[in-house]
Amino acid sequence: MGQQLRILVAEDETIIGEDLCQTVAEAGYVVEGPFTDIQSTMLAYQKHKPDLAILDVQLGDGIVYPLAEQMMAEDVPVIFHSGQLTPDDVATRFPEALAVQKPSPPAEMIANVQRVLAHG
């Protein structure tokens, strides 16, 4: 078996963040997070570049779009996870990214993760 894939999770709602991290870990991925603000997410990203990032659009200290743009420019796929914006809103700005309505059922989220990683 090769190296496990690393997934970074940024989510400012504690229960949702913990649940999302547990879901991803149970599916066999290495999890970084949950990070609740852009600054800690950016530091974690710079320390260990993930294979995929699951980002809440609105974190405690602002919108993640600039960080998401940097990640995508460095070939890290992003799944946006939002309760405020619809997937269509996100797709308008980031047509190459996947957007998922929050909360996302665990099986659906893992299916999305696997799909995005398979296309990466």
N, C-alpha and C. Protein backbone atom coordinates (compact mmCIF):
# COMPACT_ATOMS: atom_id res chain seq x y z
N MET A 1 0.85 -1.19 0.00
CA MET A 1 0.00 0.00 0.00
C MET A 1 0.88 1.24 0.00
N GLY A 2 0.53 2.20 -0.82
CA GLY A 2 1.31 3.44 -0.90
C GLY A 2 1.01 4.35 0.26
N GLN A 3 1.56 5.53 0.17
CA GLN A 3 1.35 6.51 1.23
C GLN A 3 -0.11 6.95 1.25
N GLN A 4 -0.63 7.13 2.47
CA GLN A 4 -2.02 7.57 2.58
C GLN A 4 -2.16 9.01 2.09
N LEU A 5 -3.28 9.28 1.48
CA LEU A 5 -3.54 10.62 1.00
C LEU A 5 -3.92 11.53 2.17
N ARG A 6 -3.47 12.78 2.10
CA ARG A 6 -3.68 13.77 3.17
C ARG A 6 -4.78 14.73 2.75
N ILE A 7 -5.77 14.91 3.64
CA ILE A 7 -6.87 15.82 3.38
C ILE A 7 -6.93 16.88 4.47
N LEU A 8 -6.92 18.13 4.03
CA LEU A 8 -7.00 19.26 4.95
C LEU A 8 -8.47 19.67 5.07
N VAL A 9 -8.93 19.88 6.29
CA VAL A 9 -10.32 20.26 6.54
C VAL A 9 -10.35 21.61 7.26
N ALA A 10 -11.06 22.56 6.66
CA ALA A 10 -11.26 23.87 7.29
C ALA A 10 -12.76 24.07 7.49
N GLU A 11 -13.17 24.16 8.74
CA GLU A 11 -14.60 24.27 9.09
C GLU A 11 -14.70 24.96 10.44
N ASP A 12 -15.42 26.08 10.51
CA ASP A 12 -15.47 26.83 11.77
C ASP A 12 -16.60 26.41 12.71
N GLU A 13 -17.48 25.52 12.27
CA GLU A 13 -18.50 24.98 13.17
C GLU A 13 -17.94 23.69 13.77
N THR A 14 -17.65 23.71 15.06
CA THR A 14 -16.92 22.64 15.72
C THR A 14 -17.49 21.25 15.47
N ILE A 15 -18.78 21.08 15.69
CA ILE A 15 -19.38 19.75 15.54
C ILE A 15 -19.27 19.26 14.10
N ILE A 16 -19.56 20.13 13.15
CA ILE A 16 -19.47 19.75 11.74
C ILE A 16 -18.02 19.43 11.37
N GLY A 17 -17.09 20.25 11.85
CA GLY A 17 -15.67 20.03 11.56
C GLY A 17 -15.17 18.70 12.11
N GLU A 18 -15.52 18.40 13.36
CA GLU A 18 -15.09 17.14 13.97
C GLU A 18 -15.71 15.95 13.24
N ASP A 19 -16.99 16.07 12.90
CA ASP A 19 -17.69 14.99 12.21
C ASP A 19 -17.07 14.75 10.82
N LEU A 20 -16.77 15.83 10.12
CA LEU A 20 -16.17 15.73 8.80
C LEU A 20 -14.78 15.08 8.88
N CYS A 21 -14.00 15.48 9.85
CA CYS A 21 -12.66 14.89 10.02
C CYS A 21 -12.76 13.40 10.35
N GLN A 22 -13.70 13.04 11.21
CA GLN A 22 -13.88 11.63 11.58
C GLN A 22 -14.31 10.82 10.36
N THR A 23 -15.22 11.36 9.57
CA THR A 23 -15.69 10.68 8.35
C THR A 23 -14.52 10.41 7.41
N VAL A 24 -13.69 11.43 7.19
CA VAL A 24 -12.55 11.32 6.28
C VAL A 24 -11.51 10.33 6.82
N ALA A 25 -11.26 10.40 8.13
CA ALA A 25 -10.28 9.48 8.74
C ALA A 25 -10.77 8.03 8.66
N GLU A 26 -12.07 7.82 8.91
CA GLU A 26 -12.62 6.46 8.86
C GLU A 26 -12.55 5.88 7.45
N ALA A 27 -12.49 6.75 6.45
CA ALA A 27 -12.38 6.29 5.06
C ALA A 27 -10.92 5.99 4.68
N GLY A 28 -10.01 6.18 5.64
CA GLY A 28 -8.63 5.78 5.41
C GLY A 28 -7.67 6.88 5.00
N TYR A 29 -8.10 8.14 5.13
CA TYR A 29 -7.23 9.25 4.77
C TYR A 29 -6.56 9.85 6.01
N VAL A 30 -5.42 10.49 5.81
CA VAL A 30 -4.77 11.25 6.87
C VAL A 30 -5.45 12.61 6.90
N VAL A 31 -5.89 13.04 8.08
CA VAL A 31 -6.65 14.28 8.21
C VAL A 31 -5.83 15.36 8.90
N GLU A 32 -5.85 16.54 8.32
CA GLU A 32 -5.29 17.74 8.95
C GLU A 32 -6.49 18.62 9.29
N GLY A 33 -6.68 18.92 10.57
CA GLY A 33 -7.78 19.81 10.93
C GLY A 33 -8.70 19.16 11.96
N PRO A 34 -9.83 19.74 12.20
CA PRO A 34 -10.40 20.88 11.48
C PRO A 34 -9.80 22.21 11.91
N PHE A 35 -9.55 23.07 10.95
CA PHE A 35 -9.05 24.41 11.22
C PHE A 35 -10.23 25.36 11.14
N THR A 36 -10.29 26.32 12.07
CA THR A 36 -11.47 27.17 12.16
C THR A 36 -11.28 28.56 11.56
N ASP A 37 -10.06 28.88 11.16
CA ASP A 37 -9.85 30.19 10.55
C ASP A 37 -8.83 30.09 9.41
N ILE A 38 -8.79 31.13 8.61
CA ILE A 38 -7.92 31.13 7.43
C ILE A 38 -6.45 31.05 7.83
N GLN A 39 -6.07 31.78 8.88
CA GLN A 39 -4.67 31.81 9.27
C GLN A 39 -4.15 30.41 9.65
N SER A 40 -4.87 29.68 10.47
CA SER A 40 -4.40 28.35 10.86
C SER A 40 -4.46 27.38 9.68
N THR A 41 -5.46 27.56 8.81
CA THR A 41 -5.56 26.72 7.61
C THR A 41 -4.35 26.96 6.71
N MET A 42 -3.99 28.23 6.53
CA MET A 42 -2.85 28.59 5.69
C MET A 42 -1.54 28.02 6.26
N LEU A 43 -1.37 28.12 7.56
CA LEU A 43 -0.15 27.59 8.20
C LEU A 43 -0.06 26.08 8.00
N ALA A 44 -1.17 25.39 8.20
CA ALA A 44 -1.18 23.93 8.02
C ALA A 44 -0.89 23.58 6.56
N TYR A 45 -1.45 24.34 5.65
CA TYR A 45 -1.25 24.11 4.22
C TYR A 45 0.22 24.28 3.85
N GLN A 46 0.84 25.31 4.39
CA GLN A 46 2.25 25.57 4.08
C GLN A 46 3.16 24.51 4.69
N LYS A 47 2.76 23.96 5.82
CA LYS A 47 3.57 22.94 6.50
C LYS A 47 3.51 21.60 5.78
N HIS A 48 2.31 21.18 5.40
CA HIS A 48 2.10 19.90 4.70
C HIS A 48 1.10 20.13 3.58
N LYS A 49 1.57 20.16 2.37
CA LYS A 49 0.65 20.34 1.24
C LYS A 49 -0.25 19.11 1.14
N PRO A 50 -1.57 19.30 1.24
CA PRO A 50 -2.48 18.15 1.20
C PRO A 50 -2.73 17.66 -0.23
N ASP A 51 -3.33 16.50 -0.33
CA ASP A 51 -3.74 15.97 -1.63
C ASP A 51 -5.09 16.53 -2.04
N LEU A 52 -5.83 17.03 -1.04
CA LEU A 52 -7.16 17.58 -1.26
C LEU A 52 -7.50 18.46 -0.07
N ALA A 53 -8.29 19.52 -0.31
CA ALA A 53 -8.76 20.37 0.79
C ALA A 53 -10.28 20.45 0.75
N ILE A 54 -10.89 20.30 1.93
CA ILE A 54 -12.33 20.51 2.09
C ILE A 54 -12.47 21.81 2.87
N LEU A 55 -13.02 22.82 2.22
CA LEU A 55 -13.05 24.15 2.81
C LEU A 55 -14.47 24.68 2.98
N ASP A 56 -14.78 25.09 4.21
CA ASP A 56 -16.00 25.86 4.43
C ASP A 56 -15.74 27.22 3.78
N VAL A 57 -16.69 27.75 3.05
CA VAL A 57 -16.47 29.01 2.34
C VAL A 57 -16.24 30.15 3.33
N GLN A 58 -17.02 30.18 4.42
CA GLN A 58 -16.91 31.26 5.41
C GLN A 58 -16.31 30.70 6.69
N LEU A 59 -15.06 31.10 6.99
CA LEU A 59 -14.42 30.69 8.23
C LEU A 59 -14.52 31.82 9.25
N GLY A 60 -13.99 31.59 10.44
CA GLY A 60 -14.09 32.56 11.51
C GLY A 60 -13.53 33.92 11.17
N ASP A 61 -12.52 33.98 10.32
CA ASP A 61 -11.88 35.26 10.01
C ASP A 61 -12.03 35.67 8.55
N GLY A 62 -13.01 35.11 7.85
CA GLY A 62 -13.26 35.59 6.49
C GLY A 62 -13.57 34.49 5.49
N ILE A 63 -13.60 34.90 4.24
CA ILE A 63 -13.92 34.01 3.11
C ILE A 63 -12.65 33.30 2.64
N VAL A 64 -12.74 32.02 2.33
CA VAL A 64 -11.56 31.23 1.96
C VAL A 64 -11.12 31.35 0.50
N TYR A 65 -11.84 32.12 -0.30
CA TYR A 65 -11.54 32.15 -1.72
C TYR A 65 -10.06 32.43 -2.07
N PRO A 66 -9.40 33.42 -1.46
CA PRO A 66 -7.98 33.64 -1.82
C PRO A 66 -7.10 32.41 -1.53
N LEU A 67 -7.34 31.76 -0.40
CA LEU A 67 -6.58 30.57 -0.06
C LEU A 67 -6.92 29.44 -1.04
N ALA A 68 -8.18 29.28 -1.38
CA ALA A 68 -8.60 28.25 -2.33
C ALA A 68 -7.94 28.49 -3.69
N GLU A 69 -7.87 29.75 -4.09
CA GLU A 69 -7.22 30.08 -5.37
C GLU A 69 -5.76 29.67 -5.37
N GLN A 70 -5.08 29.92 -4.24
CA GLN A 70 -3.67 29.54 -4.12
C GLN A 70 -3.53 28.02 -4.19
N MET A 71 -4.39 27.31 -3.46
CA MET A 71 -4.32 25.85 -3.46
C MET A 71 -4.51 25.30 -4.87
N MET A 72 -5.54 25.79 -5.56
CA MET A 72 -5.82 25.29 -6.91
C MET A 72 -4.69 25.65 -7.88
N ALA A 73 -4.08 26.81 -7.69
CA ALA A 73 -2.95 27.19 -8.54
C ALA A 73 -1.77 26.24 -8.33
N GLU A 74 -1.71 25.62 -7.14
CA GLU A 74 -0.64 24.66 -6.82
C GLU A 74 -1.12 23.22 -6.97
N ASP A 75 -2.17 23.04 -7.75
CA ASP A 75 -2.70 21.71 -8.11
C ASP A 75 -3.24 20.91 -6.93
N VAL A 76 -3.77 21.60 -5.93
CA VAL A 76 -4.46 20.92 -4.83
C VAL A 76 -5.95 21.09 -5.08
N PRO A 77 -6.67 19.98 -5.34
CA PRO A 77 -8.12 20.11 -5.58
C PRO A 77 -8.85 20.54 -4.31
N VAL A 78 -9.93 21.26 -4.51
CA VAL A 78 -10.71 21.81 -3.39
C VAL A 78 -12.16 21.37 -3.52
N ILE A 79 -12.73 20.96 -2.38
CA ILE A 79 -14.18 20.76 -2.27
C ILE A 79 -14.67 21.85 -1.34
N PHE A 80 -15.54 22.71 -1.83
CA PHE A 80 -16.15 23.73 -0.98
C PHE A 80 -17.34 23.12 -0.27
N HIS A 81 -17.44 23.45 1.03
CA HIS A 81 -18.49 22.89 1.88
C HIS A 81 -19.17 24.10 2.52
N SER A 82 -20.38 24.42 2.08
CA SER A 82 -20.97 25.66 2.54
C SER A 82 -22.44 25.53 2.88
N GLY A 83 -22.83 26.25 3.91
CA GLY A 83 -24.23 26.34 4.28
C GLY A 83 -24.87 27.61 3.73
N GLN A 84 -24.04 28.62 3.42
CA GLN A 84 -24.58 29.91 2.95
C GLN A 84 -24.74 29.96 1.44
N LEU A 85 -23.77 29.46 0.71
CA LEU A 85 -23.78 29.55 -0.74
C LEU A 85 -24.25 28.25 -1.37
N THR A 86 -24.91 28.36 -2.48
CA THR A 86 -25.32 27.15 -3.19
C THR A 86 -24.13 26.67 -4.03
N PRO A 87 -24.13 25.40 -4.41
CA PRO A 87 -23.07 24.92 -5.30
C PRO A 87 -22.96 25.75 -6.58
N ASP A 88 -24.09 26.26 -7.07
CA ASP A 88 -24.05 27.10 -8.28
C ASP A 88 -23.30 28.41 -8.04
N ASP A 89 -23.49 29.00 -6.85
CA ASP A 89 -22.77 30.24 -6.52
C ASP A 89 -21.26 30.01 -6.59
N VAL A 90 -20.82 28.91 -6.00
CA VAL A 90 -19.39 28.60 -5.98
C VAL A 90 -18.90 28.26 -7.39
N ALA A 91 -19.70 27.49 -8.13
CA ALA A 91 -19.30 27.07 -9.48
C ALA A 91 -19.11 28.26 -10.42
N THR A 92 -19.84 29.34 -10.17
CA THR A 92 -19.69 30.53 -10.99
C THR A 92 -18.27 31.08 -10.85
N ARG A 93 -17.76 31.08 -9.63
CA ARG A 93 -16.41 31.61 -9.40
C ARG A 93 -15.33 30.56 -9.63
N PHE A 94 -15.62 29.32 -9.26
CA PHE A 94 -14.63 28.23 -9.36
C PHE A 94 -15.22 27.06 -10.15
N PRO A 95 -15.30 27.19 -11.47
CA PRO A 95 -15.93 26.12 -12.26
C PRO A 95 -15.20 24.79 -12.15
N GLU A 96 -13.91 24.81 -11.81
CA GLU A 96 -13.15 23.56 -11.73
C GLU A 96 -13.25 22.89 -10.37
N ALA A 97 -13.88 23.54 -9.40
CA ALA A 97 -13.98 22.97 -8.05
C ALA A 97 -15.37 22.37 -7.82
N LEU A 98 -15.43 21.47 -6.87
CA LEU A 98 -16.70 20.86 -6.48
C LEU A 98 -17.24 21.61 -5.26
N ALA A 99 -18.53 21.89 -5.27
CA ALA A 99 -19.16 22.54 -4.12
C ALA A 99 -20.26 21.63 -3.59
N VAL A 100 -20.29 21.48 -2.27
CA VAL A 100 -21.24 20.59 -1.61
C VAL A 100 -22.02 21.41 -0.59
N GLN A 101 -23.33 21.22 -0.56
CA GLN A 101 -24.18 21.90 0.42
C GLN A 101 -23.94 21.29 1.79
N LYS A 102 -23.87 22.12 2.81
CA LYS A 102 -23.65 21.67 4.17
C LYS A 102 -24.99 21.53 4.88
N PRO A 103 -25.20 20.54 5.71
CA PRO A 103 -24.30 19.40 5.96
C PRO A 103 -24.42 18.34 4.86
N SER A 104 -23.32 17.68 4.61
CA SER A 104 -23.28 16.64 3.58
C SER A 104 -23.25 15.28 4.27
N PRO A 105 -24.10 14.34 3.86
CA PRO A 105 -24.06 13.00 4.47
C PRO A 105 -22.67 12.38 4.30
N PRO A 106 -22.17 11.66 5.31
CA PRO A 106 -20.81 11.10 5.24
C PRO A 106 -20.53 10.30 3.97
N ALA A 107 -21.44 9.42 3.58
CA ALA A 107 -21.19 8.60 2.39
C ALA A 107 -21.08 9.46 1.13
N GLU A 108 -21.89 10.51 1.07
CA GLU A 108 -21.84 11.43 -0.07
C GLU A 108 -20.52 12.19 -0.10
N MET A 109 -20.07 12.64 1.07
CA MET A 109 -18.81 13.38 1.13
C MET A 109 -17.64 12.49 0.70
N ILE A 110 -17.60 11.25 1.18
CA ILE A 110 -16.50 10.35 0.81
C ILE A 110 -16.56 10.05 -0.68
N ALA A 111 -17.75 9.86 -1.22
CA ALA A 111 -17.88 9.64 -2.67
C ALA A 111 -17.34 10.84 -3.45
N ASN A 112 -17.62 12.05 -2.96
CA ASN A 112 -17.10 13.26 -3.60
C ASN A 112 -15.58 13.33 -3.50
N VAL A 113 -15.05 13.01 -2.33
CA VAL A 113 -13.59 13.01 -2.13
C VAL A 113 -12.94 12.03 -3.11
N GLN A 114 -13.48 10.83 -3.18
CA GLN A 114 -12.91 9.81 -4.08
C GLN A 114 -12.99 10.24 -5.53
N ARG A 115 -14.10 10.86 -5.91
CA ARG A 115 -14.28 11.31 -7.29
C ARG A 115 -13.26 12.41 -7.64
N VAL A 116 -13.11 13.37 -6.73
CA VAL A 116 -12.18 14.47 -6.99
C VAL A 116 -10.74 13.96 -7.04
N LEU A 117 -10.38 13.07 -6.13
CA LEU A 117 -9.01 12.53 -6.13
C LEU A 117 -8.74 11.68 -7.37
N ALA A 118 -9.74 10.98 -7.86
CA ALA A 118 -9.58 10.15 -9.06
C ALA A 118 -9.32 11.00 -10.30
N HIS A 119 -9.86 12.22 -10.30
CA HIS A 119 -9.67 13.11 -11.45
C HIS A 119 -8.43 13.96 -11.32
N GLY A 120 -7.83 13.97 -10.12
CA GLY A 120 -6.65 14.80 -9.88
C GLY A 120 -5.47 14.22 -10.57
